[in-house]
Amino acid sequence: MAGTPKRQSTYPLSYSSRHKPRRWPLVLRFVKGAIHADILLPVVLHSAWAALIVYLNNLTDGDFALPNGIIPSLSIVVGLML
């Protein structure tokens, strides 16, 4: 095979310096079809609710305890919601 040209070796990310650097990571870019705006309110409300529960737990002397029988059921429900 004397007529075949020799292949040049390529390196991973050899063309990465030719692209314009991005200001935001891909996860935070609001592009068409992104769901960031749709899930922002539920995430903020769940975070505020969890912070309120932690604050009340630290404020009071007692603990907010759940019975041992409800924990497996609650984990199944939370897993299905995710």
PDB file of N, CA and C in Angstrom:
ATOM      1  N   MET A   1       0.813  -1.169   0.000  1.00  0.00           N
ATOM      2  CA  MET A   1       0.000   0.000   0.000  1.00  0.00           C
ATOM      3  C   MET A   1       0.869   1.249   0.000  1.00  0.00           C
ATOM      4  N   ALA A   2       1.559   1.422  -1.018  1.00  0.00           N
ATOM      5  CA  ALA A   2       2.476   2.545  -1.106  1.00  0.00           C
ATOM      6  C   ALA A   2       1.751   3.852  -1.372  1.00  0.00           C
ATOM      7  N   GLY A   3       0.532   3.803  -1.955  1.00  0.00           N
ATOM      8  CA  GLY A   3      -0.160   5.036  -2.323  1.00  0.00           C
ATOM      9  C   GLY A   3      -1.019   5.631  -1.209  1.00  0.00           C
ATOM     10  N   THR A   4      -1.154   4.952  -0.085  1.00  0.00           N
ATOM     11  CA  THR A   4      -2.012   5.484   0.994  1.00  0.00           C
ATOM     12  C   THR A   4      -1.255   6.515   1.815  1.00  0.00           C
ATOM     13  N   PRO A   5      -1.898   7.644   2.066  1.00  0.00           N
ATOM     14  CA  PRO A   5      -1.224   8.647   2.904  1.00  0.00           C
ATOM     15  C   PRO A   5      -1.176   8.205   4.362  1.00  0.00           C
ATOM     16  N   LYS A   6      -0.154   8.649   5.026  1.00  0.00           N
ATOM     17  CA  LYS A   6       0.006   8.308   6.436  1.00  0.00           C
ATOM     18  C   LYS A   6      -0.976   9.133   7.281  1.00  0.00           C
ATOM     19  N   ARG A   7      -1.618   8.485   8.230  1.00  0.00           N
ATOM     20  CA  ARG A   7      -2.585   9.183   9.087  1.00  0.00           C
ATOM     21  C   ARG A   7      -1.852  10.028  10.117  1.00  0.00           C
ATOM     22  N   GLN A   8      -2.382  11.230  10.342  1.00  0.00           N
ATOM     23  CA  GLN A   8      -1.823  12.078  11.385  1.00  0.00           C
ATOM     24  C   GLN A   8      -2.425  11.686  12.725  1.00  0.00           C
ATOM     25  N   SER A   9      -1.613  11.753  13.756  1.00  0.00           N
ATOM     26  CA  SER A   9      -2.146  11.422  15.071  1.00  0.00           C
ATOM     27  C   SER A   9      -2.967  12.592  15.586  1.00  0.00           C
ATOM     28  N   THR A  10      -4.056  12.274  16.224  1.00  0.00           N
ATOM     29  CA  THR A  10      -4.930  13.313  16.795  1.00  0.00           C
ATOM     30  C   THR A  10      -4.833  13.252  18.308  1.00  0.00           C
ATOM     31  N   TYR A  11      -5.079  14.369  18.917  1.00  0.00           N
ATOM     32  CA  TYR A  11      -5.020  14.470  20.365  1.00  0.00           C
ATOM     33  C   TYR A  11      -6.380  14.915  20.881  1.00  0.00           C
ATOM     34  N   PRO A  12      -6.821  14.375  22.005  1.00  0.00           N
ATOM     35  CA  PRO A  12      -8.097  14.826  22.571  1.00  0.00           C
ATOM     36  C   PRO A  12      -8.024  16.308  22.903  1.00  0.00           C
ATOM     37  N   LEU A  13      -9.089  16.990  22.659  1.00  0.00           N
ATOM     38  CA  LEU A  13      -9.225  18.425  22.928  1.00  0.00           C
ATOM     39  C   LEU A  13      -8.209  19.266  22.158  1.00  0.00           C
ATOM     40  N   SER A  14      -7.796  18.802  20.985  1.00  0.00           N
ATOM     41  CA  SER A  14      -6.814  19.576  20.229  1.00  0.00           C
ATOM     42  C   SER A  14      -7.419  20.852  19.658  1.00  0.00           C
ATOM     43  N   TYR A  15      -8.731  20.846  19.438  1.00  0.00           N
ATOM     44  CA  TYR A  15      -9.382  22.040  18.901  1.00  0.00           C
ATOM     45  C   TYR A  15     -10.093  22.856  19.976  1.00  0.00           C
ATOM     46  N   SER A  16      -9.890  22.525  21.228  1.00  0.00           N
ATOM     47  CA  SER A  16     -10.639  23.213  22.284  1.00  0.00           C
ATOM     48  C   SER A  16     -10.232  24.669  22.434  1.00  0.00           C
ATOM     49  N   SER A  17      -9.005  25.009  22.111  1.00  0.00           N
ATOM     50  CA  SER A  17      -8.567  26.395  22.268  1.00  0.00           C
ATOM     51  C   SER A  17      -9.071  27.286  21.143  1.00  0.00           C
ATOM     52  N   ARG A  18      -9.601  26.701  20.078  1.00  0.00           N
ATOM     53  CA  ARG A  18     -10.090  27.500  18.955  1.00  0.00           C
ATOM     54  C   ARG A  18     -11.491  28.037  19.184  1.00  0.00           C
ATOM     55  N   HIS A  19     -12.210  27.473  20.150  1.00  0.00           N
ATOM     56  CA  HIS A  19     -13.577  27.919  20.420  1.00  0.00           C
ATOM     57  C   HIS A  19     -13.576  29.048  21.440  1.00  0.00           C
ATOM     58  N   LYS A  20     -14.602  29.892  21.319  1.00  0.00           N
ATOM     59  CA  LYS A  20     -14.753  30.988  22.258  1.00  0.00           C
ATOM     60  C   LYS A  20     -15.079  30.428  23.645  1.00  0.00           C
ATOM     61  N   PRO A  21     -14.423  30.895  24.675  1.00  0.00           N
ATOM     62  CA  PRO A  21     -14.752  30.375  26.015  1.00  0.00           C
ATOM     63  C   PRO A  21     -16.170  30.771  26.427  1.00  0.00           C
ATOM     64  N   ARG A  22     -16.857  29.846  27.028  1.00  0.00           N
ATOM     65  CA  ARG A  22     -18.239  30.099  27.444  1.00  0.00           C
ATOM     66  C   ARG A  22     -18.259  30.738  28.821  1.00  0.00           C
ATOM     67  N   ARG A  23     -19.203  31.643  29.013  1.00  0.00           N
ATOM     68  CA  ARG A  23     -19.311  32.330  30.287  1.00  0.00           C
ATOM     69  C   ARG A  23     -20.006  31.461  31.335  1.00  0.00           C
ATOM     70  N   TRP A  24     -21.045  30.730  30.944  1.00  0.00           N
ATOM     71  CA  TRP A  24     -21.817  29.897  31.870  1.00  0.00           C
ATOM     72  C   TRP A  24     -21.610  28.430  31.539  1.00  0.00           C
ATOM     73  N   PRO A  25     -21.617  27.558  32.543  1.00  0.00           N
ATOM     74  CA  PRO A  25     -21.573  26.115  32.253  1.00  0.00           C
ATOM     75  C   PRO A  25     -22.849  25.670  31.532  1.00  0.00           C
ATOM     76  N   LEU A  26     -22.797  24.539  30.893  1.00  0.00           N
ATOM     77  CA  LEU A  26     -23.927  24.046  30.108  1.00  0.00           C
ATOM     78  C   LEU A  26     -25.176  23.880  30.954  1.00  0.00           C
ATOM     79  N   VAL A  27     -25.013  23.484  32.211  1.00  0.00           N
ATOM     80  CA  VAL A  27     -26.162  23.269  33.094  1.00  0.00           C
ATOM     81  C   VAL A  27     -26.927  24.570  33.364  1.00  0.00           C
ATOM     82  N   LEU A  28     -26.247  25.689  33.364  1.00  0.00           N
ATOM     83  CA  LEU A  28     -26.876  26.962  33.706  1.00  0.00           C
ATOM     84  C   LEU A  28     -27.289  27.785  32.493  1.00  0.00           C
ATOM     85  N   ARG A  29     -27.102  27.275  31.300  1.00  0.00           N
ATOM     86  CA  ARG A  29     -27.481  28.044  30.112  1.00  0.00           C
ATOM     87  C   ARG A  29     -28.969  27.907  29.851  1.00  0.00           C
ATOM     88  N   PHE A  30     -29.637  29.041  29.684  1.00  0.00           N
ATOM     89  CA  PHE A  30     -31.058  29.063  29.385  1.00  0.00           C
ATOM     90  C   PHE A  30     -31.229  29.060  27.874  1.00  0.00           C
ATOM     91  N   VAL A  31     -31.414  27.898  27.303  1.00  0.00           N
ATOM     92  CA  VAL A  31     -31.606  27.768  25.871  1.00  0.00           C
ATOM     93  C   VAL A  31     -33.049  27.390  25.603  1.00  0.00           C
ATOM     94  N   LYS A  32     -33.443  27.444  24.355  1.00  0.00           N
ATOM     95  CA  LYS A  32     -34.813  27.097  23.995  1.00  0.00           C
ATOM     96  C   LYS A  32     -35.094  25.638  24.372  1.00  0.00           C
ATOM     97  N   GLY A  33     -36.168  25.417  25.084  1.00  0.00           N
ATOM     98  CA  GLY A  33     -36.533  24.072  25.505  1.00  0.00           C
ATOM     99  C   GLY A  33     -35.995  23.698  26.873  1.00  0.00           C
ATOM    100  N   ALA A  34     -35.233  24.583  27.524  1.00  0.00           N
ATOM    101  CA  ALA A  34     -34.698  24.279  28.849  1.00  0.00           C
ATOM    102  C   ALA A  34     -35.810  24.382  29.886  1.00  0.00           C
ATOM    103  N   ILE A  35     -35.689  23.609  30.948  1.00  0.00           N
ATOM    104  CA  ILE A  35     -36.745  23.581  31.965  1.00  0.00           C
ATOM    105  C   ILE A  35     -36.363  24.382  33.202  1.00  0.00           C
ATOM    106  N   HIS A  36     -35.313  25.173  33.132  1.00  0.00           N
ATOM    107  CA  HIS A  36     -34.861  25.930  34.297  1.00  0.00           C
ATOM    108  C   HIS A  36     -35.978  26.800  34.870  1.00  0.00           C
ATOM    109  N   ALA A  37     -36.654  27.537  34.014  1.00  0.00           N
ATOM    110  CA  ALA A  37     -37.699  28.447  34.486  1.00  0.00           C
ATOM    111  C   ALA A  37     -38.891  27.674  35.065  1.00  0.00           C
ATOM    112  N   ASP A  38     -39.149  26.481  34.555  1.00  0.00           N
ATOM    113  CA  ASP A  38     -40.290  25.697  35.032  1.00  0.00           C
ATOM    114  C   ASP A  38     -40.053  25.108  36.417  1.00  0.00           C
ATOM    115  N   ILE A  39     -38.821  24.731  36.723  1.00  0.00           N
ATOM    116  CA  ILE A  39     -38.569  24.080  38.010  1.00  0.00           C
ATOM    117  C   ILE A  39     -38.002  25.028  39.058  1.00  0.00           C
ATOM    118  N   LEU A  40     -37.767  26.283  38.703  1.00  0.00           N
ATOM    119  CA  LEU A  40     -37.161  27.216  39.645  1.00  0.00           C
ATOM    120  C   LEU A  40     -38.065  27.451  40.855  1.00  0.00           C
ATOM    121  N   LEU A  41     -39.344  27.712  40.641  1.00  0.00           N
ATOM    122  CA  LEU A  41     -40.259  27.967  41.755  1.00  0.00           C
ATOM    123  C   LEU A  41     -40.420  26.752  42.672  1.00  0.00           C
ATOM    124  N   PRO A  42     -40.667  25.536  42.159  1.00  0.00           N
ATOM    125  CA  PRO A  42     -40.759  24.389  43.065  1.00  0.00           C
ATOM    126  C   PRO A  42     -39.480  24.130  43.857  1.00  0.00           C
ATOM    127  N   VAL A  43     -38.329  24.314  43.243  1.00  0.00           N
ATOM    128  CA  VAL A  43     -37.066  24.094  43.957  1.00  0.00           C
ATOM    129  C   VAL A  43     -36.903  25.112  45.075  1.00  0.00           C
ATOM    130  N   VAL A  44     -37.231  26.380  44.802  1.00  0.00           N
ATOM    131  CA  VAL A  44     -37.124  27.419  45.830  1.00  0.00           C
ATOM    132  C   VAL A  44     -38.108  27.162  46.961  1.00  0.00           C
ATOM    133  N   LEU A  45     -39.340  26.768  46.630  1.00  0.00           N
ATOM    134  CA  LEU A  45     -40.341  26.503  47.674  1.00  0.00           C
ATOM    135  C   LEU A  45     -39.954  25.298  48.527  1.00  0.00           C
ATOM    136  N   HIS A  46     -39.454  24.226  47.915  1.00  0.00           N
ATOM    137  CA  HIS A  46     -39.032  23.063  48.697  1.00  0.00           C
ATOM    138  C   HIS A  46     -37.832  23.398  49.583  1.00  0.00           C
ATOM    139  N   SER A  47     -36.931  24.202  49.064  1.00  0.00           N
ATOM    140  CA  SER A  47     -35.773  24.603  49.871  1.00  0.00           C
ATOM    141  C   SER A  47     -36.192  25.466  51.049  1.00  0.00           C
ATOM    142  N   ALA A  48     -37.134  26.391  50.823  1.00  0.00           N
ATOM    143  CA  ALA A  48     -37.628  27.240  51.912  1.00  0.00           C
ATOM    144  C   ALA A  48     -38.363  26.409  52.965  1.00  0.00           C
ATOM    145  N   TRP A  49     -39.150  25.439  52.510  1.00  0.00           N
ATOM    146  CA  TRP A  49     -39.878  24.568  53.435  1.00  0.00           C
ATOM    147  C   TRP A  49     -38.896  23.748  54.292  1.00  0.00           C
ATOM    148  N   ALA A  50     -37.871  23.192  53.670  1.00  0.00           N
ATOM    149  CA  ALA A  50     -36.878  22.414  54.410  1.00  0.00           C
ATOM    150  C   ALA A  50     -36.107  23.296  55.385  1.00  0.00           C
ATOM    151  N   ALA A  51     -35.784  24.520  54.971  1.00  0.00           N
ATOM    152  CA  ALA A  51     -35.077  25.439  55.864  1.00  0.00           C
ATOM    153  C   ALA A  51     -35.951  25.830  57.054  1.00  0.00           C
ATOM    154  N   LEU A  52     -37.259  25.992  56.834  1.00  0.00           N
ATOM    155  CA  LEU A  52     -38.183  26.306  57.926  1.00  0.00           C
ATOM    156  C   LEU A  52     -38.261  25.150  58.923  1.00  0.00           C
ATOM    157  N   ILE A  53     -38.325  23.927  58.434  1.00  0.00           N
ATOM    158  CA  ILE A  53     -38.376  22.762  59.313  1.00  0.00           C
ATOM    159  C   ILE A  53     -37.100  22.660  60.147  1.00  0.00           C
ATOM    160  N   VAL A  54     -35.953  22.873  59.517  1.00  0.00           N
ATOM    161  CA  VAL A  54     -34.685  22.815  60.253  1.00  0.00           C
ATOM    162  C   VAL A  54     -34.619  23.926  61.288  1.00  0.00           C
ATOM    163  N   TYR A  55     -35.088  25.111  60.934  1.00  0.00           N
ATOM    164  CA  TYR A  55     -35.089  26.234  61.875  1.00  0.00           C
ATOM    165  C   TYR A  55     -35.987  25.944  63.077  1.00  0.00           C
ATOM    166  N   LEU A  56     -37.186  25.435  62.815  1.00  0.00           N
ATOM    167  CA  LEU A  56     -38.104  25.108  63.916  1.00  0.00           C
ATOM    168  C   LEU A  56     -37.561  23.975  64.782  1.00  0.00           C
ATOM    169  N   ASN A  57     -36.886  23.026  64.179  1.00  0.00           N
ATOM    170  CA  ASN A  57     -36.298  21.931  64.945  1.00  0.00           C
ATOM    171  C   ASN A  57     -35.185  22.450  65.862  1.00  0.00           C
ATOM    172  N   ASN A  58     -34.386  23.387  65.376  1.00  0.00           N
ATOM    173  CA  ASN A  58     -33.334  23.956  66.207  1.00  0.00           C
ATOM    174  C   ASN A  58     -33.878  24.903  67.264  1.00  0.00           C
ATOM    175  N   LEU A  59     -35.020  25.508  66.995  1.00  0.00           N
ATOM    176  CA  LEU A  59     -35.615  26.471  67.909  1.00  0.00           C
ATOM    177  C   LEU A  59     -36.276  25.791  69.104  1.00  0.00           C
ATOM    178  N   THR A  60     -36.910  24.680  68.878  1.00  0.00           N
ATOM    179  CA  THR A  60     -37.639  23.995  69.945  1.00  0.00           C
ATOM    180  C   THR A  60     -36.730  22.988  70.651  1.00  0.00           C
ATOM    181  N   ASP A  61     -37.182  22.567  71.823  1.00  0.00           N
ATOM    182  CA  ASP A  61     -36.419  21.582  72.592  1.00  0.00           C
ATOM    183  C   ASP A  61     -36.638  20.159  72.085  1.00  0.00           C
ATOM    184  N   GLY A  62     -37.834  19.869  71.606  1.00  0.00           N
ATOM    185  CA  GLY A  62     -38.136  18.518  71.125  1.00  0.00           C
ATOM    186  C   GLY A  62     -37.641  18.298  69.712  1.00  0.00           C
ATOM    187  N   ASP A  63     -37.664  17.044  69.292  1.00  0.00           N
ATOM    188  CA  ASP A  63     -37.272  16.698  67.925  1.00  0.00           C
ATOM    189  C   ASP A  63     -38.509  16.400  67.100  1.00  0.00           C
ATOM    190  N   PHE A  64     -38.420  16.702  65.812  1.00  0.00           N
ATOM    191  CA  PHE A  64     -39.464  16.291  64.886  1.00  0.00           C
ATOM    192  C   PHE A  64     -39.118  14.880  64.442  1.00  0.00           C
ATOM    193  N   ALA A  65     -39.664  13.908  65.109  1.00  0.00           N
ATOM    194  CA  ALA A  65     -39.311  12.527  64.811  1.00  0.00           C
ATOM    195  C   ALA A  65     -40.453  11.858  64.061  1.00  0.00           C
ATOM    196  N   LEU A  66     -40.104  10.973  63.165  1.00  0.00           N
ATOM    197  CA  LEU A  66     -41.083  10.175  62.444  1.00  0.00           C
ATOM    198  C   LEU A  66     -41.053   8.759  62.994  1.00  0.00           C
ATOM    199  N   PRO A  67     -42.208   8.099  63.055  1.00  0.00           N
ATOM    200  CA  PRO A  67     -42.211   6.698  63.497  1.00  0.00           C
ATOM    201  C   PRO A  67     -41.412   5.822  62.520  1.00  0.00           C
ATOM    202  N   ASN A  68     -40.856   4.739  63.033  1.00  0.00           N
ATOM    203  CA  ASN A  68     -40.027   3.866  62.208  1.00  0.00           C
ATOM    204  C   ASN A  68     -40.793   3.198  61.074  1.00  0.00           C
ATOM    205  N   GLY A  69     -42.084   3.027  61.224  1.00  0.00           N
ATOM    206  CA  GLY A  69     -42.869   2.360  60.185  1.00  0.00           C
ATOM    207  C   GLY A  69     -43.137   3.235  58.976  1.00  0.00           C
ATOM    208  N   ILE A  70     -43.050   4.545  59.126  1.00  0.00           N
ATOM    209  CA  ILE A  70     -43.392   5.425  58.012  1.00  0.00           C
ATOM    210  C   ILE A  70     -42.194   5.728  57.117  1.00  0.00           C
ATOM    211  N   ILE A  71     -40.997   5.496  57.589  1.00  0.00           N
ATOM    212  CA  ILE A  71     -39.793   5.861  56.825  1.00  0.00           C
ATOM    213  C   ILE A  71     -39.694   5.079  55.505  1.00  0.00           C
ATOM    214  N   PRO A  72     -39.909   3.749  55.470  1.00  0.00           N
ATOM    215  CA  PRO A  72     -39.848   3.061  54.168  1.00  0.00           C
ATOM    216  C   PRO A  72     -40.923   3.544  53.195  1.00  0.00           C
ATOM    217  N   SER A  73     -42.123   3.802  53.708  1.00  0.00           N
ATOM    218  CA  SER A  73     -43.193   4.290  52.835  1.00  0.00           C
ATOM    219  C   SER A  73     -42.854   5.670  52.295  1.00  0.00           C
ATOM    220  N   LEU A  74     -42.308   6.509  53.146  1.00  0.00           N
ATOM    221  CA  LEU A  74     -41.943   7.854  52.726  1.00  0.00           C
ATOM    222  C   LEU A  74     -40.815   7.825  51.692  1.00  0.00           C
ATOM    223  N   SER A  75     -39.882   6.896  51.843  1.00  0.00           N
ATOM    224  CA  SER A  75     -38.791   6.814  50.863  1.00  0.00           C
ATOM    225  C   SER A  75     -39.305   6.334  49.513  1.00  0.00           C
ATOM    226  N   ILE A  76     -40.294   5.451  49.500  1.00  0.00           N
ATOM    227  CA  ILE A  76     -40.878   5.003  48.232  1.00  0.00           C
ATOM    228  C   ILE A  76     -41.605   6.156  47.559  1.00  0.00           C
ATOM    229  N   VAL A  77     -42.354   6.933  48.310  1.00  0.00           N
ATOM    230  CA  VAL A  77     -43.089   8.071  47.749  1.00  0.00           C
ATOM    231  C   VAL A  77     -42.136   9.109  47.187  1.00  0.00           C
ATOM    232  N   VAL A  78     -41.087   9.421  47.931  1.00  0.00           N
ATOM    233  CA  VAL A  78     -40.110  10.402  47.451  1.00  0.00           C
ATOM    234  C   VAL A  78     -39.398   9.884  46.216  1.00  0.00           C
ATOM    235  N   GLY A  79     -39.072   8.607  46.182  1.00  0.00           N
ATOM    236  CA  GLY A  79     -38.433   8.023  45.007  1.00  0.00           C
ATOM    237  C   GLY A  79     -39.329   8.076  43.787  1.00  0.00           C
ATOM    238  N   LEU A  80     -40.624   7.857  43.963  1.00  0.00           N
ATOM    239  CA  LEU A  80     -41.551   7.940  42.827  1.00  0.00           C
ATOM    240  C   LEU A  80     -41.727   9.370  42.354  1.00  0.00           C
ATOM    241  N   MET A  81     -41.661  10.324  43.285  1.00  0.00           N
ATOM    242  CA  MET A  81     -41.779  11.721  42.880  1.00  0.00           C
ATOM    243  C   MET A  81     -40.574  12.167  42.065  1.00  0.00           C
ATOM    244  N   LEU A  82     -39.402  11.622  42.369  1.00  0.00           N
ATOM    245  CA  LEU A  82     -38.218  12.006  41.603  1.00  0.00           C
ATOM    246  C   LEU A  82     -38.283  11.410  40.218  1.00  0.00           C
TER     247      LEU A  82
END
